């Protein structure tokens, strides 16, 4: 007989506590403010979409509506930015909380752990921490310190190295230009040279004397 997961009976467009067994670590790809896709309300929600494609083998990972508490935690993980378009590539741990009151009902609730999984932020090109990663590569010649806090995908690492090379070349060109400017600056005469010049300018040719 074909295996039938008991949670399949609770089908929903959005991720819910019925989809999560205990806890799970996921990566928020981005958050969008969009209308209720169930068409049950005319409300719009902050909706999180994930990098991962499946929540378990053969079962697609659905987007998650962020309530106020969960949204505030994600905002904190995004450096405190109030702009949801900055809430990208953020690692979170979801868990099921028992005894959540909703109206007159007591049920399970899907929550985001306020403690972010350490070292699991996925670095994105131009995203949060990217410029600091380029600075670290220029300083250290590697991304070892960055990897203590972030996951650096291969394409992002390649772009960091390219941007670092460009920035180093720009700094070198600027230094050479400044050196050239400094070398063309005439030296400042000391007091004796100034006096000698003044004496020479005071000599009047004989034929110019009255």
C-alpha atoms as a PDB file:
ATOM      1  CA  UNK A   1       0.000   0.000   0.000  1.00  0.00           C
ATOM      2  CA  UNK A   2       1.313   3.456  -0.935  1.00  0.00           C
ATOM      3  CA  UNK A   3       2.625   5.532   1.963  1.00  0.00           C
ATOM      4  CA  UNK A   4       0.253   8.373   2.869  1.00  0.00           C
ATOM      5  CA  UNK A   5       1.547  11.090   5.188  1.00  0.00           C
ATOM      6  CA  UNK A   6      -1.123  12.170   7.673  1.00  0.00           C
ATOM      7  CA  UNK A   7      -0.289  15.842   7.121  1.00  0.00           C
ATOM      8  CA  UNK A   8      -1.377  15.595   3.481  1.00  0.00           C
ATOM      9  CA  UNK A   9      -4.970  15.914   4.677  1.00  0.00           C
ATOM     10  CA  UNK A  10      -4.286  19.508   5.782  1.00  0.00           C
ATOM     11  CA  UNK A  11      -3.653  21.079   2.433  1.00  0.00           C
ATOM     12  CA  UNK A  12      -3.057  24.803   2.306  1.00  0.00           C
ATOM     13  CA  UNK A  13      -1.498  27.345  -0.030  1.00  0.00           C
ATOM     14  CA  UNK A  14       0.603  28.628   2.873  1.00  0.00           C
ATOM     15  CA  UNK A  15       3.006  26.908   5.231  1.00  0.00           C
ATOM     16  CA  UNK A  16       1.430  26.028   8.578  1.00  0.00           C
ATOM     17  CA  UNK A  17       2.146  24.107  11.756  1.00  0.00           C
ATOM     18  CA  UNK A  18       0.641  21.014  10.115  1.00  0.00           C
ATOM     19  CA  UNK A  19       3.547  21.007   7.637  1.00  0.00           C
ATOM     20  CA  UNK A  20       6.349  21.132  10.198  1.00  0.00           C
ATOM     21  CA  UNK A  21       7.408  18.200  12.339  1.00  0.00           C
ATOM     22  CA  UNK A  22       9.122  19.608  15.415  1.00  0.00           C
ATOM     23  CA  UNK A  23      11.469  22.206  13.928  1.00  0.00           C
ATOM     24  CA  UNK A  24      13.218  22.897  10.657  1.00  0.00           C
ATOM     25  CA  UNK A  25      15.883  25.289   9.393  1.00  0.00           C
ATOM     26  CA  UNK A  26      15.051  27.169   6.196  1.00  0.00           C
ATOM     27  CA  UNK A  27      16.364  30.147   4.273  1.00  0.00           C
ATOM     28  CA  UNK A  28      14.073  33.062   3.454  1.00  0.00           C
ATOM     29  CA  UNK A  29      14.807  34.024  -0.151  1.00  0.00           C
ATOM     30  CA  UNK A  30      12.700  37.182  -0.071  1.00  0.00           C
ATOM     31  CA  UNK A  31       9.536  38.658   1.435  1.00  0.00           C
ATOM     32  CA  UNK A  32       6.692  40.162  -0.584  1.00  0.00           C
ATOM     33  CA  UNK A  33       3.637  42.158   0.512  1.00  0.00           C
ATOM     34  CA  UNK A  34       0.847  40.570  -1.468  1.00  0.00           C
ATOM     35  CA  UNK A  35      -2.888  39.744  -1.384  1.00  0.00           C
ATOM     36  CA  UNK A  36      -4.284  36.634   0.292  1.00  0.00           C
ATOM     37  CA  UNK A  37      -3.928  33.874  -2.314  1.00  0.00           C
ATOM     38  CA  UNK A  38      -6.650  31.789  -0.685  1.00  0.00           C
ATOM     39  CA  UNK A  39      -9.168  34.473  -1.709  1.00  0.00           C
ATOM     40  CA  UNK A  40     -10.810  34.051   1.706  1.00  0.00           C
ATOM     41  CA  UNK A  41     -10.052  37.637   2.648  1.00  0.00           C
ATOM     42  CA  UNK A  42      -9.218  40.888   0.901  1.00  0.00           C
ATOM     43  CA  UNK A  43      -6.199  41.339   3.149  1.00  0.00           C
ATOM     44  CA  UNK A  44      -2.567  41.520   2.077  1.00  0.00           C
ATOM     45  CA  UNK A  45       0.236  39.891   4.024  1.00  0.00           C
ATOM     46  CA  UNK A  46       4.011  39.918   4.391  1.00  0.00           C
ATOM     47  CA  UNK A  47       4.735  36.597   2.713  1.00  0.00           C
ATOM     48  CA  UNK A  48       8.080  34.818   2.995  1.00  0.00           C
ATOM     49  CA  UNK A  49       9.370  32.661   0.132  1.00  0.00           C
ATOM     50  CA  UNK A  50      12.155  30.178   0.739  1.00  0.00           C
ATOM     51  CA  UNK A  51      15.301  29.080  -1.065  1.00  0.00           C
ATOM     52  CA  UNK A  52      14.594  25.420  -0.373  1.00  0.00           C
ATOM     53  CA  UNK A  53      12.197  23.721  -2.779  1.00  0.00           C
ATOM     54  CA  UNK A  54      10.880  20.854  -0.617  1.00  0.00           C
ATOM     55  CA  UNK A  55       9.935  20.608   3.040  1.00  0.00           C
ATOM     56  CA  UNK A  56      10.316  16.833   2.820  1.00  0.00           C
ATOM     57  CA  UNK A  57      10.948  14.527  -0.137  1.00  0.00           C
ATOM     58  CA  UNK A  58       8.227  14.860  -2.710  1.00  0.00           C
ATOM     59  CA  UNK A  59       6.449  17.734  -0.925  1.00  0.00           C
ATOM     60  CA  UNK A  60       6.886  21.289  -2.162  1.00  0.00           C
ATOM     61  CA  UNK A  61       7.784  23.964   0.374  1.00  0.00           C
ATOM     62  CA  UNK A  62       5.031  26.571   0.540  1.00  0.00           C
ATOM     63  CA  UNK A  63       5.399  30.294   1.288  1.00  0.00           C
ATOM     64  CA  UNK A  64       4.739  31.455   4.840  1.00  0.00           C
ATOM     65  CA  UNK A  65       2.608  34.367   6.005  1.00  0.00           C
ATOM     66  CA  UNK A  66       4.570  36.328   8.622  1.00  0.00           C
ATOM     67  CA  UNK A  67       2.485  37.471  11.557  1.00  0.00           C
ATOM     68  CA  UNK A  68       3.626  40.496  13.529  1.00  0.00           C
ATOM     69  CA  UNK A  69       5.833  38.527  15.920  1.00  0.00           C
ATOM     70  CA  UNK A  70       7.548  36.491  13.219  1.00  0.00           C
ATOM     71  CA  UNK A  71       7.973  39.525  10.961  1.00  0.00           C
ATOM     72  CA  UNK A  72       9.653  41.478  13.758  1.00  0.00           C
ATOM     73  CA  UNK A  73      12.136  38.635  14.295  1.00  0.00           C
ATOM     74  CA  UNK A  74      12.994  38.555  10.575  1.00  0.00           C
ATOM     75  CA  UNK A  75      13.391  42.343  10.626  1.00  0.00           C
ATOM     76  CA  UNK A  76      15.946  41.938  13.411  1.00  0.00           C
ATOM     77  CA  UNK A  77      17.835  39.313  11.408  1.00  0.00           C
ATOM     78  CA  UNK A  78      17.918  41.785   8.486  1.00  0.00           C
ATOM     79  CA  UNK A  79      19.863  44.315  10.527  1.00  0.00           C
ATOM     80  CA  UNK A  80      16.749  46.082  11.796  1.00  0.00           C
ATOM     81  CA  UNK A  81      15.725  47.251   8.331  1.00  0.00           C
ATOM     82  CA  UNK A  82      12.060  48.239   8.084  1.00  0.00           C
ATOM     83  CA  UNK A  83      12.166  47.653   4.313  1.00  0.00           C
ATOM     84  CA  UNK A  84      10.944  44.127   3.541  1.00  0.00           C
ATOM     85  CA  UNK A  85      12.931  44.218   0.294  1.00  0.00           C
ATOM     86  CA  UNK A  86      16.044  43.955   2.494  1.00  0.00           C
ATOM     87  CA  UNK A  87      14.790  40.729   4.040  1.00  0.00           C
ATOM     88  CA  UNK A  88      16.680  38.440   1.673  1.00  0.00           C
ATOM     89  CA  UNK A  89      18.706  35.241   2.130  1.00  0.00           C
ATOM     90  CA  UNK A  90      18.004  34.999   5.850  1.00  0.00           C
ATOM     91  CA  UNK A  91      18.432  31.708   7.672  1.00  0.00           C
ATOM     92  CA  UNK A  92      15.667  30.923  10.180  1.00  0.00           C
ATOM     93  CA  UNK A  93      14.565  28.055  12.358  1.00  0.00           C
ATOM     94  CA  UNK A  94      10.836  27.312  12.382  1.00  0.00           C
ATOM     95  CA  UNK A  95       9.172  25.398  15.181  1.00  0.00           C
ATOM     96  CA  UNK A  96       5.669  24.496  16.272  1.00  0.00           C
ATOM     97  CA  UNK A  97       4.345  26.140  19.419  1.00  0.00           C
ATOM     98  CA  UNK A  98       1.568  24.415  21.320  1.00  0.00           C
ATOM     99  CA  UNK A  99      -1.350  26.125  23.038  1.00  0.00           C
ATOM    100  CA  UNK A 100      -1.698  29.165  20.800  1.00  0.00           C
ATOM    101  CA  UNK A 101      -5.016  30.953  21.324  1.00  0.00           C
ATOM    102  CA  UNK A 102      -6.861  32.069  18.205  1.00  0.00           C
ATOM    103  CA  UNK A 103     -10.228  33.507  19.089  1.00  0.00           C
ATOM    104  CA  UNK A 104     -11.936  30.847  21.204  1.00  0.00           C
ATOM    105  CA  UNK A 105      -9.755  28.061  19.848  1.00  0.00           C
ATOM    106  CA  UNK A 106      -6.491  26.721  21.197  1.00  0.00           C
ATOM    107  CA  UNK A 107      -4.227  25.366  18.479  1.00  0.00           C
ATOM    108  CA  UNK A 108      -0.660  25.014  17.269  1.00  0.00           C
ATOM    109  CA  UNK A 109       1.226  27.994  15.887  1.00  0.00           C
ATOM    110  CA  UNK A 110       4.187  28.246  13.528  1.00  0.00           C
ATOM    111  CA  UNK A 111       6.939  30.364  15.040  1.00  0.00           C
ATOM    112  CA  UNK A 112      10.396  31.620  14.096  1.00  0.00           C
ATOM    113  CA  UNK A 113      13.062  31.038  16.716  1.00  0.00           C
ATOM    114  CA  UNK A 114      14.332  34.485  17.844  1.00  0.00           C
ATOM    115  CA  UNK A 115      17.861  33.025  17.957  1.00  0.00           C
ATOM    116  CA  UNK A 116      19.169  32.854  14.419  1.00  0.00           C
ATOM    117  CA  UNK A 117      21.152  29.746  13.393  1.00  0.00           C
ATOM    118  CA  UNK A 118      24.784  30.811  13.784  1.00  0.00           C
ATOM    119  CA  UNK A 119      26.939  31.109  10.724  1.00  0.00           C
ATOM    120  CA  UNK A 120      24.151  30.245   8.323  1.00  0.00           C
ATOM    121  CA  UNK A 121      23.350  33.587   6.672  1.00  0.00           C
ATOM    122  CA  UNK A 122      23.654  33.139   2.921  1.00  0.00           C
ATOM    123  CA  UNK A 123      25.636  36.011   1.427  1.00  0.00           C
ATOM    124  CA  UNK A 124      24.073  37.552  -1.685  1.00  0.00           C
ATOM    125  CA  UNK A 125      25.643  39.829  -4.295  1.00  0.00           C
ATOM    126  CA  UNK A 126      24.880  43.402  -3.228  1.00  0.00           C
ATOM    127  CA  UNK A 127      22.994  42.164  -0.173  1.00  0.00           C
ATOM    128  CA  UNK A 128      23.518  42.724   3.535  1.00  0.00           C
ATOM    129  CA  UNK A 129      27.175  42.251   4.460  1.00  0.00           C
ATOM    130  CA  UNK A 130      28.407  42.076   0.864  1.00  0.00           C
ATOM    131  CA  UNK A 131      30.543  45.239   0.942  1.00  0.00           C
ATOM    132  CA  UNK A 132      32.002  44.152   4.277  1.00  0.00           C
ATOM    133  CA  UNK A 133      32.914  40.819   2.686  1.00  0.00           C
ATOM    134  CA  UNK A 134      34.769  42.621  -0.124  1.00  0.00           C
ATOM    135  CA  UNK A 135      36.620  44.702   2.489  1.00  0.00           C
ATOM    136  CA  UNK A 136      37.541  41.539   4.389  1.00  0.00           C
ATOM    137  CA  UNK A 137      38.904  39.887   1.237  1.00  0.00           C
ATOM    138  CA  UNK A 138      41.031  42.946   0.441  1.00  0.00           C
ATOM    139  CA  UNK A 139      42.325  43.002   4.014  1.00  0.00           C
ATOM    140  CA  UNK A 140      42.891  39.268   4.555  1.00  0.00           C
ATOM    141  CA  UNK A 141      43.277  37.900   1.050  1.00  0.00           C
ATOM    142  CA  UNK A 142      40.641  35.283   1.847  1.00  0.00           C
ATOM    143  CA  UNK A 143      37.037  34.903   3.043  1.00  0.00           C
ATOM    144  CA  UNK A 144      37.824  32.777   6.092  1.00  0.00           C
ATOM    145  CA  UNK A 145      36.554  35.353   8.596  1.00  0.00           C
ATOM    146  CA  UNK A 146      33.418  35.937   6.505  1.00  0.00           C
ATOM    147  CA  UNK A 147      32.640  32.215   6.489  1.00  0.00           C
ATOM    148  CA  UNK A 148      32.512  32.236  10.288  1.00  0.00           C
ATOM    149  CA  UNK A 149      29.237  34.135   9.962  1.00  0.00           C
ATOM    150  CA  UNK A 150      27.974  33.498   6.430  1.00  0.00           C
ATOM    151  CA  UNK A 151      27.600  30.882   3.764  1.00  0.00           C
ATOM    152  CA  UNK A 152      29.365  32.174   0.639  1.00  0.00           C
ATOM    153  CA  UNK A 153      28.035  30.542  -2.568  1.00  0.00           C
ATOM    154  CA  UNK A 154      30.629  30.003  -5.344  1.00  0.00           C
ATOM    155  CA  UNK A 155      29.137  32.653  -7.657  1.00  0.00           C
ATOM    156  CA  UNK A 156      29.135  35.203  -4.835  1.00  0.00           C
ATOM    157  CA  UNK A 157      32.757  34.381  -3.965  1.00  0.00           C
ATOM    158  CA  UNK A 158      33.792  34.889  -7.603  1.00  0.00           C
ATOM    159  CA  UNK A 159      32.045  38.269  -7.730  1.00  0.00           C
ATOM    160  CA  UNK A 160      33.624  39.343  -4.431  1.00  0.00           C
ATOM    161  CA  UNK A 161      37.077  38.607  -5.851  1.00  0.00           C
ATOM    162  CA  UNK A 162      36.273  40.548  -9.032  1.00  0.00           C
ATOM    163  CA  UNK A 163      34.985  43.552  -7.076  1.00  0.00           C
ATOM    164  CA  UNK A 164      37.984  43.403  -4.754  1.00  0.00           C
ATOM    165  CA  UNK A 165      40.368  43.433  -7.743  1.00  0.00           C
ATOM    166  CA  UNK A 166      38.560  46.428  -9.217  1.00  0.00           C
ATOM    167  CA  UNK A 167      38.644  48.283  -5.924  1.00  0.00           C
ATOM    168  CA  UNK A 168      42.362  47.538  -5.428  1.00  0.00           C
ATOM    169  CA  UNK A 169      43.125  48.731  -8.981  1.00  0.00           C
ATOM    170  CA  UNK A 170      41.165  51.941  -8.352  1.00  0.00           C
ATOM    171  CA  UNK A 171      43.051  52.543  -5.112  1.00  0.00           C
ATOM    172  CA  UNK A 172      46.390  51.980  -6.823  1.00  0.00           C
ATOM    173  CA  UNK A 173      45.479  54.316  -9.689  1.00  0.00           C
ATOM    174  CA  UNK A 174      44.402  56.980  -7.218  1.00  0.00           C
ATOM    175  CA  UNK A 175      47.665  56.602  -5.292  1.00  0.00           C
ATOM    176  CA  UNK A 176      49.723  56.886  -8.496  1.00  0.00           C
ATOM    177  CA  UNK A 177      47.805  59.974  -9.543  1.00  0.00           C
ATOM    178  CA  UNK A 178      48.386  61.596  -6.176  1.00  0.00           C
ATOM    179  CA  UNK A 179      52.073  60.708  -6.379  1.00  0.00           C
ATOM    180  CA  UNK A 180      52.298  62.323  -9.809  1.00  0.00           C
ATOM    181  CA  UNK A 181      50.578  65.457  -8.531  1.00  0.00           C
ATOM    182  CA  UNK A 182      52.935  65.625  -5.568  1.00  0.00           C
ATOM    183  CA  UNK A 183      56.032  65.232  -7.793  1.00  0.00           C
ATOM    184  CA  UNK A 184      54.950  68.161 -10.008  1.00  0.00           C
ATOM    185  CA  UNK A 185      54.542  70.531  -7.061  1.00  0.00           C
ATOM    186  CA  UNK A 186      57.414  73.053  -6.982  1.00  0.00           C
ATOM    187  CA  UNK A 187      59.513  72.938  -3.832  1.00  0.00           C
ATOM    188  CA  UNK A 188      58.973  75.630  -1.219  1.00  0.00           C
ATOM    189  CA  UNK A 189      61.952  78.029  -0.992  1.00  0.00           C
ATOM    190  CA  UNK A 190      63.538  78.493   2.394  1.00  0.00           C
ATOM    191  CA  UNK A 191      64.218  81.926   3.836  1.00  0.00           C
ATOM    192  CA  UNK A 192      67.794  82.221   2.426  1.00  0.00           C
ATOM    193  CA  UNK A 193      66.603  81.428  -1.117  1.00  0.00           C
ATOM    194  CA  UNK A 194      63.842  83.989  -0.809  1.00  0.00           C
ATOM    195  CA  UNK A 195      66.318  86.666   0.357  1.00  0.00           C
ATOM    196  CA  UNK A 196      68.651  85.858  -2.570  1.00  0.00           C
ATOM    197  CA  UNK A 197      65.802  86.197  -5.033  1.00  0.00           C
ATOM    198  CA  UNK A 198      64.783  89.503  -3.478  1.00  0.00           C
ATOM    199  CA  UNK A 199      68.361  90.853  -3.751  1.00  0.00           C
ATOM    200  CA  UNK A 200      68.577  89.855  -7.410  1.00  0.00           C
ATOM    201  CA  UNK A 201      65.325  91.574  -8.237  1.00  0.00           C
ATOM    202  CA  UNK A 202      66.642  94.786  -6.639  1.00  0.00           C
ATOM    203  CA  UNK A 203      69.671  95.059  -9.060  1.00  0.00           C
ATOM    204  CA  UNK A 204      68.986  97.752 -11.678  1.00  0.00           C
ATOM    205  CA  UNK A 205      71.009  97.714 -14.942  1.00  0.00           C
ATOM    206  CA  UNK A 206      73.279 100.785 -15.533  1.00  0.00           C
ATOM    207  CA  UNK A 207      71.477 101.851 -18.695  1.00  0.00           C
ATOM    208  CA  UNK A 208      68.238 101.905 -16.763  1.00  0.00           C
ATOM    209  CA  UNK A 209      69.569 104.337 -14.168  1.00  0.00           C
ATOM    210  CA  UNK A 210      68.584 107.984 -14.517  1.00  0.00           C
END
